[in-house]
């Protein structure tokens, strides 16, 4: 698969804009000579400590959500209901968990 990697600057922009522009992009993982990819077909945006749906709600840093406080471009991956893996992509500057 030929692709263009998104640079850190892409993720340092406003969260709602990044969420819209991620639609149709691919997440690609290379393991040895094999490559697996998944197309992003749905996004949601969580706007930090004031968003009740965000794991960063209230501004508390925990062992689970600390990644959300890093700079944009980091992945926050966790298990939901003990059955489903969810992948979140951090946006904007460090210390602003979006």
PDB file of N, CA and C in Angstrom:
ATOM      1  N   UNK A   1       0.851  -1.181   0.000  1.00  0.00           N
ATOM      2  CA  UNK A   1       0.000   0.000   0.000  1.00  0.00           C
ATOM      3  C   UNK A   1       0.892   1.238   0.000  1.00  0.00           C
ATOM      4  N   UNK A   2       0.731   2.062  -0.980  1.00  0.00           N
ATOM      5  CA  UNK A   2       1.473   3.325  -1.011  1.00  0.00           C
ATOM      6  C   UNK A   2       0.647   4.357  -0.272  1.00  0.00           C
ATOM      7  N   UNK A   3       1.310   5.072   0.617  1.00  0.00           N
ATOM      8  CA  UNK A   3       0.570   6.069   1.379  1.00  0.00           C
ATOM      9  C   UNK A   3       1.457   7.250   1.734  1.00  0.00           C
ATOM     10  N   UNK A   4       0.834   8.256   2.210  1.00  0.00           N
ATOM     11  CA  UNK A   4       1.545   9.436   2.672  1.00  0.00           C
ATOM     12  C   UNK A   4       1.330   9.511   4.180  1.00  0.00           C
ATOM     13  N   UNK A   5       2.421   9.418   4.915  1.00  0.00           N
ATOM     14  CA  UNK A   5       2.315   9.493   6.366  1.00  0.00           C
ATOM     15  C   UNK A   5       1.902  10.888   6.803  1.00  0.00           C
ATOM     16  N   UNK A   6       1.024  10.936   7.781  1.00  0.00           N
ATOM     17  CA  UNK A   6       0.630  12.223   8.346  1.00  0.00           C
ATOM     18  C   UNK A   6       1.697  12.654   9.344  1.00  0.00           C
ATOM     19  N   UNK A   7       2.107  13.883   9.251  1.00  0.00           N
ATOM     20  CA  UNK A   7       3.137  14.406  10.148  1.00  0.00           C
ATOM     21  C   UNK A   7       2.508  14.909  11.438  1.00  0.00           C
ATOM     22  N   UNK A   8       3.325  15.098  12.450  1.00  0.00           N
ATOM     23  CA  UNK A   8       2.861  15.545  13.766  1.00  0.00           C
ATOM     24  C   UNK A   8       2.001  16.807  13.659  1.00  0.00           C
ATOM     25  N   UNK A   9       2.365  17.728  12.775  1.00  0.00           N
ATOM     26  CA  UNK A   9       1.607  18.980  12.633  1.00  0.00           C
ATOM     27  C   UNK A   9       0.128  18.736  12.320  1.00  0.00           C
ATOM     28  N   UNK A  10      -0.169  17.664  11.603  1.00  0.00           N
ATOM     29  CA  UNK A  10      -1.563  17.341  11.282  1.00  0.00           C
ATOM     30  C   UNK A  10      -2.386  17.219  12.560  1.00  0.00           C
ATOM     31  N   UNK A  11      -1.817  16.580  13.579  1.00  0.00           N
ATOM     32  CA  UNK A  11      -2.528  16.301  14.827  1.00  0.00           C
ATOM     33  C   UNK A  11      -2.499  17.461  15.821  1.00  0.00           C
ATOM     34  N   UNK A  12      -1.709  18.464  15.549  1.00  0.00           N
ATOM     35  CA  UNK A  12      -1.571  19.599  16.464  1.00  0.00           C
ATOM     36  C   UNK A  12      -2.622  20.678  16.190  1.00  0.00           C
ATOM     37  N   UNK A  13      -3.539  20.413  15.311  1.00  0.00           N
ATOM     38  CA  UNK A  13      -4.573  21.372  14.924  1.00  0.00           C
ATOM     39  C   UNK A  13      -5.838  21.163  15.760  1.00  0.00           C
ATOM     40  N   UNK A  14      -6.839  22.015  15.593  1.00  0.00           N
ATOM     41  CA  UNK A  14      -8.080  21.874  16.357  1.00  0.00           C
ATOM     42  C   UNK A  14      -8.707  20.482  16.208  1.00  0.00           C
ATOM     43  N   UNK A  15      -9.163  19.944  17.306  1.00  0.00           N
ATOM     44  CA  UNK A  15      -9.673  18.583  17.382  1.00  0.00           C
ATOM     45  C   UNK A  15     -10.790  18.293  16.385  1.00  0.00           C
ATOM     46  N   UNK A  16     -11.765  19.165  16.291  1.00  0.00           N
ATOM     47  CA  UNK A  16     -12.892  18.914  15.377  1.00  0.00           C
ATOM     48  C   UNK A  16     -12.440  18.854  13.925  1.00  0.00           C
ATOM     49  N   UNK A  17     -11.473  19.669  13.570  1.00  0.00           N
ATOM     50  CA  UNK A  17     -10.947  19.655  12.197  1.00  0.00           C
ATOM     51  C   UNK A  17     -10.199  18.348  11.925  1.00  0.00           C
ATOM     52  N   UNK A  18      -9.358  17.937  12.872  1.00  0.00           N
ATOM     53  CA  UNK A  18      -8.609  16.685  12.705  1.00  0.00           C
ATOM     54  C   UNK A  18      -9.584  15.515  12.572  1.00  0.00           C
ATOM     55  N   UNK A  19     -10.610  15.481  13.414  1.00  0.00           N
ATOM     56  CA  UNK A  19     -11.592  14.387  13.361  1.00  0.00           C
ATOM     57  C   UNK A  19     -12.232  14.292  11.977  1.00  0.00           C
ATOM     58  N   UNK A  20     -12.606  15.418  11.404  1.00  0.00           N
ATOM     59  CA  UNK A  20     -13.214  15.418  10.059  1.00  0.00           C
ATOM     60  C   UNK A  20     -12.225  14.931   9.005  1.00  0.00           C
ATOM     61  N   UNK A  21     -10.980  15.407   9.104  1.00  0.00           N
ATOM     62  CA  UNK A  21      -9.995  15.092   8.067  1.00  0.00           C
ATOM     63  C   UNK A  21      -9.401  13.693   8.192  1.00  0.00           C
ATOM     64  N   UNK A  22      -9.637  13.010   9.306  1.00  0.00           N
ATOM     65  CA  UNK A  22      -9.190  11.624   9.439  1.00  0.00           C
ATOM     66  C   UNK A  22     -10.081  10.655   8.662  1.00  0.00           C
ATOM     67  N   UNK A  23     -11.307  11.059   8.390  1.00  0.00           N
ATOM     68  CA  UNK A  23     -12.222  10.185   7.646  1.00  0.00           C
ATOM     69  C   UNK A  23     -11.621   9.813   6.290  1.00  0.00           C
ATOM     70  N   UNK A  24     -11.626   8.516   6.010  1.00  0.00           N
ATOM     71  CA  UNK A  24     -11.083   8.031   4.742  1.00  0.00           C
ATOM     72  C   UNK A  24      -9.595   7.720   4.775  1.00  0.00           C
ATOM     73  N   UNK A  25      -8.914   8.124   5.841  1.00  0.00           N
ATOM     74  CA  UNK A  25      -7.489   7.810   5.983  1.00  0.00           C
ATOM     75  C   UNK A  25      -7.346   6.359   6.452  1.00  0.00           C
ATOM     76  N   UNK A  26      -6.138   5.836   6.359  1.00  0.00           N
ATOM     77  CA  UNK A  26      -5.850   4.473   6.783  1.00  0.00           C
ATOM     78  C   UNK A  26      -4.860   4.473   7.935  1.00  0.00           C
ATOM     79  N   UNK A  27      -5.071   3.547   8.858  1.00  0.00           N
ATOM     80  CA  UNK A  27      -4.073   3.263   9.883  1.00  0.00           C
ATOM     81  C   UNK A  27      -3.360   2.011   9.401  1.00  0.00           C
ATOM     82  N   UNK A  28      -2.046   2.090   9.286  1.00  0.00           N
ATOM     83  CA  UNK A  28      -1.257   0.996   8.722  1.00  0.00           C
ATOM     84  C   UNK A  28      -0.240   0.526   9.748  1.00  0.00           C
ATOM     85  N   UNK A  29      -0.106  -0.789   9.865  1.00  0.00           N
ATOM     86  CA  UNK A  29       0.873  -1.390  10.773  1.00  0.00           C
ATOM     87  C   UNK A  29       1.699  -2.373   9.972  1.00  0.00           C
ATOM     88  N   UNK A  30       3.007  -2.221  10.059  1.00  0.00           N
ATOM     89  CA  UNK A  30       3.916  -3.158   9.399  1.00  0.00           C
ATOM     90  C   UNK A  30       4.519  -4.071  10.457  1.00  0.00           C
ATOM     91  N   UNK A  31       4.449  -5.372  10.190  1.00  0.00           N
ATOM     92  CA  UNK A  31       5.051  -6.369  11.066  1.00  0.00           C
ATOM     93  C   UNK A  31       5.932  -7.223  10.173  1.00  0.00           C
ATOM     94  N   UNK A  32       7.238  -7.017  10.280  1.00  0.00           N
ATOM     95  CA  UNK A  32       8.149  -7.688   9.364  1.00  0.00           C
ATOM     96  C   UNK A  32       7.881  -7.223   7.948  1.00  0.00           C
ATOM     97  N   UNK A  33       7.615  -8.181   7.053  1.00  0.00           N
ATOM     98  CA  UNK A  33       7.323  -7.825   5.664  1.00  0.00           C
ATOM     99  C   UNK A  33       5.822  -7.724   5.398  1.00  0.00           C
ATOM    100  N   UNK A  34       5.025  -7.991   6.410  1.00  0.00           N
ATOM    101  CA  UNK A  34       3.575  -7.925   6.238  1.00  0.00           C
ATOM    102  C   UNK A  34       3.045  -6.564   6.658  1.00  0.00           C
ATOM    103  N   UNK A  35       1.948  -6.196   6.017  1.00  0.00           N
ATOM    104  CA  UNK A  35       1.324  -4.911   6.297  1.00  0.00           C
ATOM    105  C   UNK A  35      -0.178  -5.133   6.475  1.00  0.00           C
ATOM    106  N   UNK A  36      -0.722  -4.575   7.540  1.00  0.00           N
ATOM    107  CA  UNK A  36      -2.165  -4.619   7.740  1.00  0.00           C
ATOM    108  C   UNK A  36      -2.663  -3.180   7.813  1.00  0.00           C
ATOM    109  N   UNK A  37      -3.886  -2.964   7.362  1.00  0.00           N
ATOM    110  CA  UNK A  37      -4.416  -1.600   7.337  1.00  0.00           C
ATOM    111  C   UNK A  37      -5.909  -1.614   7.611  1.00  0.00           C
ATOM    112  N   UNK A  38      -6.367  -0.536   8.194  1.00  0.00           N
ATOM    113  CA  UNK A  38      -7.793  -0.340   8.427  1.00  0.00           C
ATOM    114  C   UNK A  38      -8.172   1.079   8.055  1.00  0.00           C
ATOM    115  N   UNK A  39      -9.286   1.217   7.367  1.00  0.00           N
ATOM    116  CA  UNK A  39      -9.757   2.530   6.936  1.00  0.00           C
ATOM    117  C   UNK A  39     -10.589   3.166   8.050  1.00  0.00           C
ATOM    118  N   UNK A  40     -10.355   4.440   8.298  1.00  0.00           N
ATOM    119  CA  UNK A  40     -11.125   5.179   9.297  1.00  0.00           C
ATOM    120  C   UNK A  40     -12.440   5.596   8.647  1.00  0.00           C
ATOM    121  N   UNK A  41     -13.541   5.055   9.167  1.00  0.00           N
ATOM    122  CA  UNK A  41     -14.858   5.344   8.591  1.00  0.00           C
ATOM    123  C   UNK A  41     -15.762   6.102   9.562  1.00  0.00           C
ATOM    124  N   UNK A  42     -15.308   6.273  10.782  1.00  0.00           N
ATOM    125  CA  UNK A  42     -16.099   6.989  11.779  1.00  0.00           C
ATOM    126  C   UNK A  42     -15.151   7.676  12.749  1.00  0.00           C
ATOM    127  N   UNK A  43     -15.476   8.882  13.135  1.00  0.00           N
ATOM    128  CA  UNK A  43     -14.698   9.576  14.162  1.00  0.00           C
ATOM    129  C   UNK A  43     -15.648  10.227  15.156  1.00  0.00           C
ATOM    130  N   UNK A  44     -15.141  10.442  16.353  1.00  0.00           N
ATOM    131  CA  UNK A  44     -15.816  11.214  17.386  1.00  0.00           C
ATOM    132  C   UNK A  44     -14.770  12.162  17.934  1.00  0.00           C
ATOM    133  N   UNK A  45     -15.198  13.265  18.487  1.00  0.00           N
ATOM    134  CA  UNK A  45     -14.254  14.229  19.066  1.00  0.00           C
ATOM    135  C   UNK A  45     -14.621  14.465  20.524  1.00  0.00           C
ATOM    136  N   UNK A  46     -13.637  14.301  21.390  1.00  0.00           N
ATOM    137  CA  UNK A  46     -13.816  14.550  22.821  1.00  0.00           C
ATOM    138  C   UNK A  46     -13.007  15.790  23.169  1.00  0.00           C
ATOM    139  N   UNK A  47     -13.669  16.772  23.736  1.00  0.00           N
ATOM    140  CA  UNK A  47     -13.033  18.067  23.962  1.00  0.00           C
ATOM    141  C   UNK A  47     -12.638  18.222  25.431  1.00  0.00           C
ATOM    142  N   UNK A  48     -11.676  17.423  25.848  1.00  0.00           N
ATOM    143  CA  UNK A  48     -10.999  17.572  27.122  1.00  0.00           C
ATOM    144  C   UNK A  48     -11.814  17.529  28.397  1.00  0.00           C
ATOM    145  N   UNK A  49     -11.284  18.186  29.429  1.00  0.00           N
ATOM    146  CA  UNK A  49     -11.825  18.098  30.786  1.00  0.00           C
ATOM    147  C   UNK A  49     -13.274  18.554  30.954  1.00  0.00           C
ATOM    148  N   UNK A  50     -13.805  19.321  30.025  1.00  0.00           N
ATOM    149  CA  UNK A  50     -15.190  19.790  30.145  1.00  0.00           C
ATOM    150  C   UNK A  50     -16.185  18.867  29.438  1.00  0.00           C
ATOM    151  N   UNK A  51     -15.677  17.870  28.722  1.00  0.00           N
ATOM    152  CA  UNK A  51     -16.512  16.939  27.959  1.00  0.00           C
ATOM    153  C   UNK A  51     -16.805  15.713  28.825  1.00  0.00           C
ATOM    154  N   UNK A  52     -18.050  15.556  29.241  1.00  0.00           N
ATOM    155  CA  UNK A  52     -18.411  14.457  30.145  1.00  0.00           C
ATOM    156  C   UNK A  52     -18.192  13.074  29.534  1.00  0.00           C
ATOM    157  N   UNK A  53     -18.091  12.977  28.223  1.00  0.00           N
ATOM    158  CA  UNK A  53     -17.841  11.693  27.564  1.00  0.00           C
ATOM    159  C   UNK A  53     -16.349  11.363  27.488  1.00  0.00           C
ATOM    160  N   UNK A  54     -15.498  12.309  27.840  1.00  0.00           N
ATOM    161  CA  UNK A  54     -14.044  12.130  27.749  1.00  0.00           C
ATOM    162  C   UNK A  54     -13.494  11.472  29.010  1.00  0.00           C
ATOM    163  N   UNK A  55     -12.503  10.606  28.830  1.00  0.00           N
ATOM    164  CA  UNK A  55     -11.822  10.029  29.995  1.00  0.00           C
ATOM    165  C   UNK A  55     -11.014  11.080  30.744  1.00  0.00           C
ATOM    166  N   UNK A  56     -10.819  12.234  30.142  1.00  0.00           N
ATOM    167  CA  UNK A  56     -10.102  13.339  30.791  1.00  0.00           C
ATOM    168  C   UNK A  56     -11.064  14.289  31.514  1.00  0.00           C
ATOM    169  N   UNK A  57     -12.352  13.936  31.553  1.00  0.00           N
ATOM    170  CA  UNK A  57     -13.344  14.806  32.191  1.00  0.00           C
ATOM    171  C   UNK A  57     -12.917  15.137  33.622  1.00  0.00           C
ATOM    172  N   UNK A  58     -12.979  16.396  33.946  1.00  0.00           N
ATOM    173  CA  UNK A  58     -12.600  16.860  35.274  1.00  0.00           C
ATOM    174  C   UNK A  58     -11.121  17.168  35.412  1.00  0.00           C
ATOM    175  N   UNK A  59     -10.331  16.830  34.395  1.00  0.00           N
ATOM    176  CA  UNK A  59      -8.911  17.162  34.405  1.00  0.00           C
ATOM    177  C   UNK A  59      -8.022  16.238  35.216  1.00  0.00           C
ATOM    178  N   UNK A  60      -8.550  15.101  35.639  1.00  0.00           N
ATOM    179  CA  UNK A  60      -7.759  14.172  36.452  1.00  0.00           C
ATOM    180  C   UNK A  60      -6.942  13.236  35.559  1.00  0.00           C
ATOM    181  N   UNK A  61      -5.634  13.162  35.827  1.00  0.00           N
ATOM    182  CA  UNK A  61      -4.748  12.246  35.102  1.00  0.00           C
ATOM    183  C   UNK A  61      -4.700  10.932  35.877  1.00  0.00           C
ATOM    184  N   UNK A  62      -4.919   9.829  35.168  1.00  0.00           N
ATOM    185  CA  UNK A  62      -4.925   8.502  35.788  1.00  0.00           C
ATOM    186  C   UNK A  62      -3.972   7.574  35.030  1.00  0.00           C
ATOM    187  N   UNK A  63      -3.692   6.387  35.591  1.00  0.00           N
ATOM    188  CA  UNK A  63      -2.857   5.426  34.858  1.00  0.00           C
ATOM    189  C   UNK A  63      -3.479   5.018  33.522  1.00  0.00           C
ATOM    190  N   UNK A  64      -4.776   5.157  33.391  1.00  0.00           N
ATOM    191  CA  UNK A  64      -5.454   4.790  32.142  1.00  0.00           C
ATOM    192  C   UNK A  64      -5.392   5.903  31.100  1.00  0.00           C
ATOM    193  N   UNK A  65      -5.575   7.153  31.498  1.00  0.00           N
ATOM    194  CA  UNK A  65      -5.757   8.225  30.515  1.00  0.00           C
ATOM    195  C   UNK A  65      -4.555   9.137  30.304  1.00  0.00           C
ATOM    196  N   UNK A  66      -3.437   8.885  30.939  1.00  0.00           N
ATOM    197  CA  UNK A  66      -2.299   9.807  30.884  1.00  0.00           C
ATOM    198  C   UNK A  66      -1.859  10.123  29.456  1.00  0.00           C
ATOM    199  N   UNK A  67      -2.048   9.181  28.539  1.00  0.00           N
ATOM    200  CA  UNK A  67      -1.641   9.392  27.145  1.00  0.00           C
ATOM    201  C   UNK A  67      -2.389  10.574  26.529  1.00  0.00           C
ATOM    202  N   UNK A  68      -3.623  10.803  26.960  1.00  0.00           N
ATOM    203  CA  UNK A  68      -4.414  11.912  26.415  1.00  0.00           C
ATOM    204  C   UNK A  68      -3.780  13.273  26.688  1.00  0.00           C
ATOM    205  N   UNK A  69      -2.885  13.326  27.641  1.00  0.00           N
ATOM    206  CA  UNK A  69      -2.246  14.591  28.015  1.00  0.00           C
ATOM    207  C   UNK A  69      -0.943  14.839  27.247  1.00  0.00           C
ATOM    208  N   UNK A  70      -0.569  13.914  26.368  1.00  0.00           N
ATOM    209  CA  UNK A  70       0.623  14.093  25.541  1.00  0.00           C
ATOM    210  C   UNK A  70       0.273  14.952  24.329  1.00  0.00           C
ATOM    211  N   UNK A  71       1.295  15.307  23.545  1.00  0.00           N
ATOM    212  CA  UNK A  71       1.029  16.116  22.352  1.00  0.00           C
ATOM    213  C   UNK A  71       0.317  15.292  21.285  1.00  0.00           C
ATOM    214  N   UNK A  72      -0.304  15.997  20.365  1.00  0.00           N
ATOM    215  CA  UNK A  72      -1.055  15.360  19.298  1.00  0.00           C
ATOM    216  C   UNK A  72      -0.259  14.320  18.531  1.00  0.00           C
ATOM    217  N   UNK A  73      -0.967  13.280  18.083  1.00  0.00           N
ATOM    218  CA  UNK A  73      -0.350  12.219  17.299  1.00  0.00           C
ATOM    219  C   UNK A  73      -0.164  10.924  18.064  1.00  0.00           C
ATOM    220  N   UNK A  74      -0.289  10.963  19.382  1.00  0.00           N
ATOM    221  CA  UNK A  74      -0.183   9.740  20.176  1.00  0.00           C
ATOM    222  C   UNK A  74      -1.502   8.969  20.130  1.00  0.00           C
ATOM    223  N   UNK A  75      -1.412   7.655  20.307  1.00  0.00           N
ATOM    224  CA  UNK A  75      -2.599   6.808  20.329  1.00  0.00           C
ATOM    225  C   UNK A  75      -2.939   6.424  21.757  1.00  0.00           C
ATOM    226  N   UNK A  76      -4.215   6.466  22.062  1.00  0.00           N
ATOM    227  CA  UNK A  76      -4.758   6.066  23.357  1.00  0.00           C
ATOM    228  C   UNK A  76      -5.672   4.883  23.065  1.00  0.00           C
ATOM    229  N   UNK A  77      -5.243   3.685  23.454  1.00  0.00           N
ATOM    230  CA  UNK A  77      -5.961   2.460  23.123  1.00  0.00           C
ATOM    231  C   UNK A  77      -6.405   1.794  24.419  1.00  0.00           C
ATOM    232  N   UNK A  78      -7.665   1.384  24.469  1.00  0.00           N
ATOM    233  CA  UNK A  78      -8.162   0.760  25.693  1.00  0.00           C
ATOM    234  C   UNK A  78      -9.306  -0.198  25.369  1.00  0.00           C
ATOM    235  N   UNK A  79      -9.589  -1.063  26.327  1.00  0.00           N
ATOM    236  CA  UNK A  79     -10.626  -2.074  26.194  1.00  0.00           C
ATOM    237  C   UNK A  79     -11.947  -1.524  26.739  1.00  0.00           C
ATOM    238  N   UNK A  80     -13.017  -1.681  25.976  1.00  0.00           N
ATOM    239  CA  UNK A  80     -14.342  -1.208  26.363  1.00  0.00           C
ATOM    240  C   UNK A  80     -15.222  -2.417  26.694  1.00  0.00           C
ATOM    241  N   UNK A  81     -15.877  -2.380  27.829  1.00  0.00           N
ATOM    242  CA  UNK A  81     -16.784  -3.447  28.270  1.00  0.00           C
ATOM    243  C   UNK A  81     -16.119  -4.822  28.289  1.00  0.00           C
ATOM    244  N   UNK A  82     -14.802  -4.852  28.365  1.00  0.00           N
ATOM    245  CA  UNK A  82     -14.086  -6.120  28.396  1.00  0.00           C
ATOM    246  C   UNK A  82     -14.150  -6.893  27.090  1.00  0.00           C
ATOM    247  N   UNK A  83     -14.629  -6.238  26.007  1.00  0.00           N
ATOM    248  CA  UNK A  83     -14.825  -6.953  24.744  1.00  0.00           C
ATOM    249  C   UNK A  83     -14.262  -6.258  23.518  1.00  0.00           C
ATOM    250  N   UNK A  84     -14.238  -4.930  23.506  1.00  0.00           N
ATOM    251  CA  UNK A  84     -13.898  -4.184  22.297  1.00  0.00           C
ATOM    252  C   UNK A  84     -12.715  -3.263  22.541  1.00  0.00           C
ATOM    253  N   UNK A  85     -11.816  -3.234  21.596  1.00  0.00           N
ATOM    254  CA  UNK A  85     -10.697  -2.298  21.682  1.00  0.00           C
ATOM    255  C   UNK A  85     -11.080  -0.999  20.993  1.00  0.00           C
ATOM    256  N   UNK A  86     -10.776   0.093  21.637  1.00  0.00           N
ATOM    257  CA  UNK A  86     -11.039   1.413  21.063  1.00  0.00           C
ATOM    258  C   UNK A  86      -9.723   2.156  20.922  1.00  0.00           C
ATOM    259  N   UNK A  87      -9.583   2.852  19.813  1.00  0.00           N
ATOM    260  CA  UNK A  87      -8.377   3.618  19.525  1.00  0.00           C
ATOM    261  C   UNK A  87      -8.749   5.092  19.437  1.00  0.00           C
ATOM    262  N   UNK A  88      -8.104   5.899  20.253  1.00  0.00           N
ATOM    263  CA  UNK A  88      -8.282   7.351  20.196  1.00  0.00           C
ATOM    264  C   UNK A  88      -6.974   7.968  19.734  1.00  0.00           C
ATOM    265  N   UNK A  89      -7.060   9.030  18.977  1.00  0.00           N
ATOM    266  CA  UNK A  89      -5.878   9.754  18.519  1.00  0.00           C
ATOM    267  C   UNK A  89      -5.855  11.100  19.225  1.00  0.00           C
ATOM    268  N   UNK A  90      -4.777  11.360  19.928  1.00  0.00           N
ATOM    269  CA  UNK A  90      -4.630  12.607  20.679  1.00  0.00           C
ATOM    270  C   UNK A  90      -4.377  13.754  19.702  1.00  0.00           C
ATOM    271  N   UNK A  91      -4.979  14.906  19.988  1.00  0.00           N
ATOM    272  CA  UNK A  91      -4.782  16.093  19.155  1.00  0.00           C
ATOM    273  C   UNK A  91      -4.334  17.268  20.022  1.00  0.00           C
ATOM    274  N   UNK A  92      -3.864  18.281  19.359  1.00  0.00           N
ATOM    275  CA  UNK A  92      -3.473  19.564  19.947  1.00  0.00           C
ATOM    276  C   UNK A  92      -2.245  19.436  20.857  1.00  0.00           C
ATOM    277  N   UNK A  93      -1.965  20.494  21.609  1.00  0.00           N
ATOM    278  CA  UNK A  93      -0.718  20.572  22.378  1.00  0.00           C
ATOM    279  C   UNK A  93      -0.763  19.710  23.639  1.00  0.00           C
ATOM    280  N   UNK A  94       0.413  19.368  24.146  1.00  0.00           N
ATOM    281  CA  UNK A  94       0.527  18.591  25.375  1.00  0.00           C
ATOM    282  C   UNK A  94      -0.148  19.348  26.512  1.00  0.00           C
ATOM    283  N   UNK A  95      -0.781  18.592  27.406  1.00  0.00           N
ATOM    284  CA  UNK A  95      -1.462  19.192  28.537  1.00  0.00           C
ATOM    285  C   UNK A  95      -2.899  19.573  28.246  1.00  0.00           C
ATOM    286  N   UNK A  96      -3.315  19.462  26.979  1.00  0.00           N
ATOM    287  CA  UNK A  96      -4.692  19.772  26.572  1.00  0.00           C
ATOM    288  C   UNK A  96      -5.296  18.471  26.049  1.00  0.00           C
ATOM    289  N   UNK A  97      -5.909  17.676  26.914  1.00  0.00           N
ATOM    290  CA  UNK A  97      -6.332  16.319  26.544  1.00  0.00           C
ATOM    291  C   UNK A  97      -7.527  16.269  25.602  1.00  0.00           C
ATOM    292  N   UNK A  98      -7.243  16.288  24.301  1.00  0.00           N
ATOM    293  CA  UNK A  98      -8.295  16.196  23.287  1.00  0.00           C
ATOM    294  C   UNK A  98      -7.917  15.146  22.268  1.00  0.00           C
TER     295      UNK A  98
END
